C-alpha atoms as a PDB file:
ATOM      1  CA  MET A   1       2.473  20.040 -28.145  1.00  0.00           C
ATOM      2  CA  ASP A   2       5.116  21.029 -30.609  1.00  0.00           C
ATOM      3  CA  ALA A   3       7.415  18.998 -32.847  1.00  0.00           C
ATOM      4  CA  LEU A   4       9.960  18.454 -30.063  1.00  0.00           C
ATOM      5  CA  ASP A   5       7.279  17.058 -27.736  1.00  0.00           C
ATOM      6  CA  GLN A   6       6.200  14.685 -30.491  1.00  0.00           C
ATOM      7  CA  GLN A   7       9.794  13.566 -31.077  1.00  0.00           C
ATOM      8  CA  LEU A   8      10.239  13.033 -27.331  1.00  0.00           C
ATOM      9  CA  ILE A   9       7.081  10.930 -27.153  1.00  0.00           C
ATOM     10  CA  ALA A  10       8.259   8.898 -30.152  1.00  0.00           C
ATOM     11  CA  GLN A  11      11.573   8.214 -28.402  1.00  0.00           C
ATOM     12  CA  LEU A  12       9.776   7.188 -25.209  1.00  0.00           C
ATOM     13  CA  ARG A  13       7.494   4.869 -27.183  1.00  0.00           C
ATOM     14  CA  HIS A  14      10.580   3.228 -28.631  1.00  0.00           C
ATOM     15  CA  ASN A  15      12.309   2.937 -25.243  1.00  0.00           C
ATOM     16  CA  ALA A  16      10.547   4.243 -22.129  1.00  0.00           C
ATOM     17  CA  ARG A  17      13.585   3.273 -20.037  1.00  0.00           C
ATOM     18  CA  ALA A  18      15.936   5.632 -21.879  1.00  0.00           C
ATOM     19  CA  SER A  19      17.739   8.007 -19.550  1.00  0.00           C
ATOM     20  CA  ILE A  20      17.258  11.751 -19.680  1.00  0.00           C
ATOM     21  CA  ALA A  21      20.824  12.062 -20.994  1.00  0.00           C
ATOM     22  CA  GLU A  22      20.141   9.559 -23.805  1.00  0.00           C
ATOM     23  CA  LEU A  23      16.926  11.327 -24.789  1.00  0.00           C
ATOM     24  CA  ALA A  24      18.647  14.724 -24.745  1.00  0.00           C
ATOM     25  CA  ALA A  25      21.461  13.436 -26.970  1.00  0.00           C
ATOM     26  CA  GLN A  26      19.022  11.866 -29.443  1.00  0.00           C
ATOM     27  CA  LEU A  27      16.925  15.041 -29.616  1.00  0.00           C
ATOM     28  CA  LYS A  28      19.954  17.379 -29.561  1.00  0.00           C
ATOM     29  CA  VAL A  29      18.640  19.419 -26.624  1.00  0.00           C
ATOM     30  CA  SER A  30      19.727  19.881 -23.012  1.00  0.00           C
ATOM     31  CA  ARG A  31      18.870  17.439 -20.227  1.00  0.00           C
ATOM     32  CA  GLY A  32      16.943  20.247 -18.511  1.00  0.00           C
ATOM     33  CA  THR A  33      14.766  20.676 -21.580  1.00  0.00           C
ATOM     34  CA  VAL A  34      13.928  16.967 -21.641  1.00  0.00           C
ATOM     35  CA  THR A  35      13.240  16.901 -17.896  1.00  0.00           C
ATOM     36  CA  ASN A  36      10.962  19.948 -18.077  1.00  0.00           C
ATOM     37  CA  ARG A  37       9.083  18.674 -21.101  1.00  0.00           C
ATOM     38  CA  ILE A  38       8.506  15.222 -19.594  1.00  0.00           C
ATOM     39  CA  ALA A  39       7.245  16.848 -16.387  1.00  0.00           C
ATOM     40  CA  ARG A  40       4.917  19.122 -18.380  1.00  0.00           C
ATOM     41  CA  LEU A  41       3.602  16.203 -20.447  1.00  0.00           C
ATOM     42  CA  GLU A  42       3.000  14.150 -17.279  1.00  0.00           C
ATOM     43  CA  ASP A  43       1.339  17.072 -15.448  1.00  0.00           C
ATOM     44  CA  GLY A  44      -0.864  17.767 -18.469  1.00  0.00           C
ATOM     45  CA  GLY A  45      -2.021  14.159 -18.637  1.00  0.00           C
ATOM     46  CA  VAL A  46      -0.435  13.488 -22.014  1.00  0.00           C
ATOM     47  CA  ILE A  47       1.915  10.900 -20.483  1.00  0.00           C
ATOM     48  CA  THR A  48      -0.170   8.903 -18.027  1.00  0.00           C
ATOM     49  CA  GLY A  49       2.304   6.162 -17.148  1.00  0.00           C
ATOM     50  CA  TYR A  50       5.024   3.800 -18.226  1.00  0.00           C
ATOM     51  CA  THR A  51       4.702   0.073 -18.776  1.00  0.00           C
ATOM     52  CA  VAL A  52       6.497  -3.175 -19.514  1.00  0.00           C
ATOM     53  CA  ARG A  53       5.613  -5.422 -22.449  1.00  0.00           C
ATOM     54  CA  LEU A  54       6.158  -9.144 -21.956  1.00  0.00           C
ATOM     55  CA  ARG A  55       6.276 -12.029 -24.378  1.00  0.00           C
ATOM     56  CA  PRO A  56       3.019 -14.001 -24.197  1.00  0.00           C
ATOM     57  CA  ASP A  57       4.895 -17.075 -22.959  1.00  0.00           C
ATOM     58  CA  ALA A  58       6.782 -15.145 -20.248  1.00  0.00           C
ATOM     59  CA  VAL A  59       3.916 -15.645 -17.775  1.00  0.00           C
ATOM     60  CA  PRO A  60       2.666 -19.165 -18.601  1.00  0.00           C
ATOM     61  CA  ASP A  61       0.151 -19.452 -15.718  1.00  0.00           C
ATOM     62  CA  GLN A  62      -1.788 -16.391 -16.806  1.00  0.00           C
ATOM     63  CA  ILE A  63      -5.028 -16.726 -18.774  1.00  0.00           C
ATOM     64  CA  THR A  64      -5.676 -14.135 -21.462  1.00  0.00           C
ATOM     65  CA  ALA A  65      -9.042 -13.592 -23.116  1.00  0.00           C
ATOM     66  CA  TRP A  66     -10.396 -11.089 -25.630  1.00  0.00           C
ATOM     67  CA  MET A  67     -14.057 -10.101 -25.448  1.00  0.00           C
ATOM     68  CA  SER A  68     -16.330  -8.081 -27.662  1.00  0.00           C
ATOM     69  CA  ILE A  69     -19.696  -6.642 -26.666  1.00  0.00           C
ATOM     70  CA  THR A  70     -22.191  -5.199 -29.129  1.00  0.00           C
ATOM     71  CA  VAL A  71     -24.915  -2.917 -27.796  1.00  0.00           C
ATOM     72  CA  GLU A  72     -27.913  -2.078 -29.923  1.00  0.00           C
ATOM     73  CA  GLY A  73     -30.562   0.578 -29.431  1.00  0.00           C
END
């Protein structure tokens, strides 16, 4: 990964729904460059998926719990 890949990942972290054209404009590269780099990062397992973050109260019927397990020995 080079500096451009890192900048691309940073942009995707900020907005994973950004279009290829938006990403290319922000990074000042061609749309083909962005498309190829995203494909390479996905194929290489660096980008493993895309997700949606919801407000905690957006799904009121859902139960959320945090657990911690300590293993000794």
